[in-house]
Amino acid sequence: MLFFRLKISLLFLTIVCWSCDRLVTDGNISAKITTASQCKGTSANSFINLASAETGKSAGVLYNYNPELEELSITHLNAAINCCRVAIITRSVISKDTIIITQGEKGDACKCLCLIDIDMTVKGLKRGNYILKIEELYLGDQAKIVLPINLGQTPYGSFFVQRTSYPW
């Protein structure tokens, strides 16, 4: 009986270890803010349109994937942040096929918001299809940044949304 239990345990362990080589679908990934711009002002007039097709858009992301390093570089254009922030923080996680980056801030708040650009690096991503979701502060009911990305076929791209409320 002990021998039978040992065989079952080894079979289960083999199946679990075999699954470990597959695409990571749940768990933490490493995200780090590499740079953040100074406050650009409190309106989208400071937004730089990167393509004529994006005229009128007031927030967005640019991304670029390096498969050798398993690293995704993201620039969040016109992120709203409190003017009195001490630090910008992020938390990242993969849930199923969704990369969720939650932005936050530290420091005492004041009654002022401004727009900045945030450059982030996400490490530990395998090639594959994902949904990139940026969870932002101060968004309310406005359009969210949620986009499908295929890091195996299209390692770079952009996505823009219209924002109409303060500070955009």
Protein backbone atom coordinates (compact mmCIF):
# COMPACT_ATOMS: atom_id res chain seq x y z
CA MET A 1 0.00 0.00 0.00
CA LEU A 2 2.86 2.37 0.85
CA PHE A 3 4.49 1.61 -2.49
CA PHE A 4 1.22 2.43 -4.32
CA ARG A 5 0.92 5.80 -2.50
CA LEU A 6 4.52 6.58 -3.36
CA LYS A 7 3.86 5.90 -7.06
CA ILE A 8 0.76 8.12 -7.03
CA SER A 9 2.69 10.90 -5.30
CA LEU A 10 5.51 10.69 -7.85
CA LEU A 11 3.02 10.73 -10.73
CA PHE A 12 1.33 13.84 -9.28
CA LEU A 13 4.69 15.56 -8.75
CA THR A 14 5.71 14.73 -12.34
CA ILE A 15 2.50 16.29 -13.70
CA VAL A 16 2.95 19.41 -11.58
CA CYS A 17 6.60 19.84 -12.63
CA TRP A 18 5.72 19.29 -16.30
CA SER A 19 3.16 22.10 -16.01
CA CYS A 20 5.83 24.44 -14.60
CA ASP A 21 7.48 24.66 -18.03
CA ARG A 22 4.33 26.11 -19.58
CA LEU A 23 3.49 29.81 -19.92
CA VAL A 24 3.21 31.46 -16.52
CA THR A 25 -0.44 32.36 -16.11
CA ASP A 26 -0.81 33.32 -12.47
CA GLY A 27 1.53 35.04 -10.09
CA ASN A 28 3.73 38.04 -9.63
CA ILE A 29 5.97 39.60 -12.21
CA SER A 30 8.58 42.25 -11.66
CA ALA A 31 7.66 45.82 -12.64
CA LYS A 32 9.78 48.87 -12.02
CA ILE A 33 9.35 52.53 -12.85
CA THR A 34 12.46 53.61 -14.74
CA THR A 35 11.61 57.29 -15.21
CA ALA A 36 8.75 59.72 -14.67
CA SER A 37 8.50 63.13 -16.24
CA GLN A 38 7.88 66.35 -14.40
CA CYS A 39 4.35 67.67 -14.29
CA LYS A 40 3.41 68.66 -17.85
CA GLY A 41 0.45 70.74 -16.79
CA THR A 42 -3.18 70.05 -16.10
CA SER A 43 -4.55 69.64 -19.60
CA ALA A 44 -4.02 67.45 -22.60
CA ASN A 45 -2.64 70.47 -24.46
CA SER A 46 0.71 69.18 -23.25
CA PHE A 47 0.09 65.80 -24.90
CA ILE A 48 2.29 65.03 -27.88
CA ASN A 49 0.33 63.38 -30.69
CA LEU A 50 2.47 60.63 -32.14
CA ALA A 51 0.39 60.05 -35.24
CA SER A 52 -2.22 62.11 -37.05
CA ALA A 53 -4.70 59.25 -36.62
CA GLU A 54 -4.49 59.79 -32.87
CA THR A 55 -5.50 63.47 -32.94
CA GLY A 56 -7.83 64.21 -30.06
CA LYS A 57 -6.64 61.33 -27.93
CA SER A 58 -5.41 62.39 -24.54
CA ALA A 59 -3.84 59.35 -22.84
CA GLY A 60 -2.18 56.16 -23.95
CA VAL A 61 0.62 53.63 -23.82
CA LEU A 62 3.57 52.71 -25.99
CA TYR A 63 5.11 49.27 -25.53
CA ASN A 64 8.16 47.37 -26.74
CA TYR A 65 9.05 43.74 -25.93
CA ASN A 66 12.56 42.28 -25.77
CA PRO A 67 12.17 38.47 -26.04
CA GLU A 68 15.80 37.71 -25.13
CA LEU A 69 15.46 39.53 -21.80
CA GLU A 70 11.76 38.63 -21.40
CA GLU A 71 11.24 42.32 -20.72
CA LEU A 72 8.33 44.60 -21.66
CA SER A 73 8.99 48.36 -21.70
CA ILE A 74 5.88 50.50 -21.30
CA THR A 75 5.46 54.27 -21.48
CA HIS A 76 2.20 55.52 -19.99
CA LEU A 77 1.53 58.90 -21.61
CA ASN A 78 -0.43 61.51 -19.66
CA ALA A 79 -0.91 59.58 -16.44
CA ALA A 80 -2.78 61.66 -13.86
CA ILE A 81 -1.03 62.03 -10.54
CA ASN A 82 -1.39 64.27 -7.51
CA CYS A 83 0.83 67.35 -7.74
CA CYS A 84 2.08 66.86 -4.18
CA ARG A 85 3.15 63.25 -4.59
CA VAL A 86 6.33 62.05 -2.95
CA ALA A 87 6.67 58.90 -5.06
CA ILE A 88 4.88 56.96 -7.77
CA ILE A 89 4.44 53.27 -7.09
CA THR A 90 3.30 50.33 -9.19
CA ARG A 91 2.17 46.81 -8.50
CA SER A 92 2.07 44.22 -11.25
CA VAL A 93 0.57 40.77 -11.46
CA ILE A 94 -0.43 38.24 -14.10
CA SER A 95 -3.91 36.83 -13.69
CA LYS A 96 -4.62 34.16 -16.30
CA ASP A 97 -3.61 35.97 -19.54
CA THR A 98 -3.93 39.53 -18.17
CA ILE A 99 -0.98 41.71 -17.15
CA ILE A 100 -2.36 44.12 -14.56
CA ILE A 101 -0.29 47.16 -13.61
CA THR A 102 -1.77 49.18 -10.78
CA GLN A 103 -0.44 52.70 -10.36
CA GLY A 104 -0.41 54.50 -7.05
CA GLU A 105 1.36 57.26 -5.19
CA LYS A 106 2.85 58.05 -1.80
CA GLY A 107 2.72 61.31 0.04
CA ASP A 108 0.17 63.78 1.31
CA ALA A 109 -2.41 64.73 -1.29
CA CYS A 110 -3.27 68.26 -2.25
CA LYS A 111 -6.07 69.66 -4.42
CA CYS A 112 -4.09 69.54 -7.63
CA LEU A 113 -3.62 66.92 -10.34
CA CYS A 114 -1.14 67.00 -13.19
CA LEU A 115 -0.22 64.87 -16.17
CA ILE A 116 3.08 63.02 -16.41
CA ASP A 117 4.66 60.29 -18.53
CA ILE A 118 5.74 57.13 -16.69
CA ASP A 119 8.28 54.68 -18.14
CA MET A 120 8.05 51.17 -16.68
CA THR A 121 9.82 47.87 -17.26
CA VAL A 122 8.06 44.57 -16.66
CA LYS A 123 10.40 41.60 -16.33
CA GLY A 124 9.71 37.89 -16.49
CA LEU A 125 7.26 37.78 -19.41
CA LYS A 126 7.35 34.92 -21.87
CA ARG A 127 6.29 35.38 -25.49
CA GLY A 128 2.56 34.97 -25.85
CA ASN A 129 -0.83 36.61 -26.04
CA TYR A 130 -1.78 38.86 -23.16
CA ILE A 131 -4.19 41.60 -22.24
CA LEU A 132 -2.39 44.65 -20.83
CA LYS A 133 -4.43 46.57 -18.29
CA ILE A 134 -3.27 49.78 -16.59
CA GLU A 135 -5.24 50.56 -13.42
CA GLU A 136 -5.04 54.30 -12.88
CA LEU A 137 -5.87 56.72 -10.12
CA TYR A 138 -8.38 59.53 -10.69
CA LEU A 139 -9.93 57.83 -13.74
CA GLY A 140 -13.57 57.71 -12.69
CA ASP A 141 -15.85 56.51 -15.49
CA GLN A 142 -13.52 57.48 -18.33
CA ALA A 143 -12.04 55.13 -20.92
CA LYS A 144 -9.63 52.59 -19.47
CA ILE A 145 -6.32 51.48 -20.93
CA VAL A 146 -6.93 47.82 -21.75
CA LEU A 147 -5.43 46.30 -24.89
CA PRO A 148 -4.58 42.89 -26.33
CA ILE A 149 -0.90 42.35 -27.09
CA ASN A 150 0.80 39.46 -28.85
CA LEU A 151 4.41 39.52 -27.71
CA GLY A 152 5.33 36.70 -30.08
CA GLN A 153 4.13 38.35 -33.31
CA THR A 154 3.96 42.09 -32.58
CA PRO A 155 6.64 43.07 -30.06
CA TYR A 156 5.82 46.79 -30.12
CA GLY A 157 2.76 49.00 -30.46
CA SER A 158 0.63 51.77 -29.06
CA PHE A 159 -2.89 52.35 -27.75
CA PHE A 160 -4.65 55.64 -27.08
CA VAL A 161 -7.91 56.67 -25.41
CA GLN A 162 -9.93 59.87 -25.16
CA ARG A 163 -10.19 61.50 -21.76
CA THR A 164 -12.42 64.50 -21.17
CA SER A 165 -12.44 65.15 -17.42
CA TYR A 166 -9.93 66.99 -15.27
CA PRO A 167 -6.92 66.83 -15.47
CA TRP A 168 -7.02 65.66 -19.08
